[in-house]
Amino acid sequence: MRLFDETIKKAAYSSQTTKAQASGTSNCPLCAVGGNANKTRIYASREMEADHVAAWSKGGVSTLANCEMLCVPHNRSKGNR
């Protein structure tokens, strides 16, 4: 299955957000390493999309271990990487 189910997305969002709040960084991993105003922004779950860490097209599976939540702009610009 290519898409992540809601349970996986909620678990990934919760885990990332908890870690981000503890470290004072954004819960979007790509924003967190940037140098702009979103570096510390905590996005609402509706502002994020599930992304395959290892791309689906390259054999990545739709599991929690291969899921990270990215802000919409970063997920849509990432493409097949």
Protein backbone atom coordinates (compact mmCIF):
# COMPACT_ATOMS: atom_id res chain seq x y z
CA MET A 1 0.00 0.00 0.00
CA ARG A 2 1.43 3.36 -1.01
CA LEU A 3 -0.46 5.62 1.42
CA PHE A 4 0.00 5.68 5.18
CA ASP A 5 -3.08 4.90 7.21
CA GLU A 6 -4.37 7.40 9.77
CA THR A 7 -3.02 5.41 12.73
CA ILE A 8 0.54 5.60 11.38
CA LYS A 9 0.24 9.31 10.54
CA LYS A 10 -1.08 10.12 14.03
CA ALA A 11 1.70 8.12 15.69
CA ALA A 12 4.41 9.76 13.57
CA TYR A 13 2.97 13.24 14.20
CA SER A 14 2.75 12.65 17.95
CA SER A 15 6.29 11.30 18.22
CA GLN A 16 7.84 14.05 16.10
CA THR A 17 5.92 16.79 17.91
CA THR A 18 6.88 15.52 21.36
CA LYS A 19 10.57 15.41 20.39
CA ALA A 20 10.40 18.82 18.70
CA GLN A 21 8.79 20.49 21.70
CA ALA A 22 11.42 19.01 24.01
CA SER A 23 14.26 20.27 21.82
CA GLY A 24 12.72 23.62 20.89
CA THR A 25 12.72 22.91 17.16
CA SER A 26 10.07 22.52 14.48
CA ASN A 27 8.19 19.26 14.17
CA CYS A 28 8.92 19.39 10.43
CA PRO A 29 12.43 17.90 10.25
CA LEU A 30 13.32 19.97 7.18
CA CYS A 31 12.20 23.24 8.78
CA ALA A 32 14.12 22.33 11.95
CA VAL A 33 17.44 22.29 10.09
CA GLY A 34 16.72 25.48 8.18
CA GLY A 35 17.64 28.98 9.16
CA ASN A 36 14.32 30.74 8.66
CA ALA A 37 11.40 31.73 10.89
CA ASN A 38 9.91 28.20 10.74
CA LYS A 39 12.92 26.65 12.49
CA THR A 40 10.96 26.44 15.76
CA ARG A 41 7.41 26.31 14.38
CA ILE A 42 5.14 23.54 15.62
CA TYR A 43 2.74 22.67 12.82
CA ALA A 44 -0.77 21.36 13.44
CA SER A 45 -1.32 17.87 12.05
CA ARG A 46 -3.57 19.29 9.31
CA GLU A 47 -0.60 21.37 8.09
CA MET A 48 1.55 18.29 7.55
CA GLU A 49 1.67 15.34 5.19
CA ALA A 50 3.11 11.88 5.63
CA ASP A 51 6.28 11.21 3.65
CA HIS A 52 8.21 8.04 2.91
CA VAL A 53 11.78 8.40 4.26
CA ALA A 54 12.85 5.78 1.72
CA ALA A 55 10.83 6.66 -1.39
CA TRP A 56 7.93 4.38 -2.31
CA SER A 57 9.21 4.25 -5.90
CA LYS A 58 12.55 2.95 -4.62
CA GLY A 59 11.11 0.17 -2.49
CA GLY A 60 10.17 2.11 0.64
CA VAL A 61 7.25 0.65 2.56
CA SER A 62 4.33 2.41 4.25
CA THR A 63 5.25 1.62 7.86
CA LEU A 64 5.75 3.81 10.91
CA ALA A 65 9.51 3.24 10.72
CA ASN A 66 9.54 4.71 7.18
CA CYS A 67 7.15 7.59 7.87
CA GLU A 68 7.98 11.18 8.71
CA MET A 69 5.59 14.07 8.78
CA LEU A 70 6.66 17.12 6.74
CA CYS A 71 5.02 20.51 6.37
CA VAL A 72 3.03 20.69 3.14
CA PRO A 73 5.51 22.93 1.26
CA HIS A 74 8.48 20.70 2.10
CA ASN A 75 6.65 17.48 1.28
CA ARG A 76 5.45 18.76 -2.07
CA SER A 77 8.86 20.13 -3.03
CA LYS A 78 10.73 16.98 -1.98
CA GLY A 79 9.46 14.82 -4.81
CA ASN A 80 11.03 11.43 -5.40
CA ARG A 81 14.14 11.74 -3.22
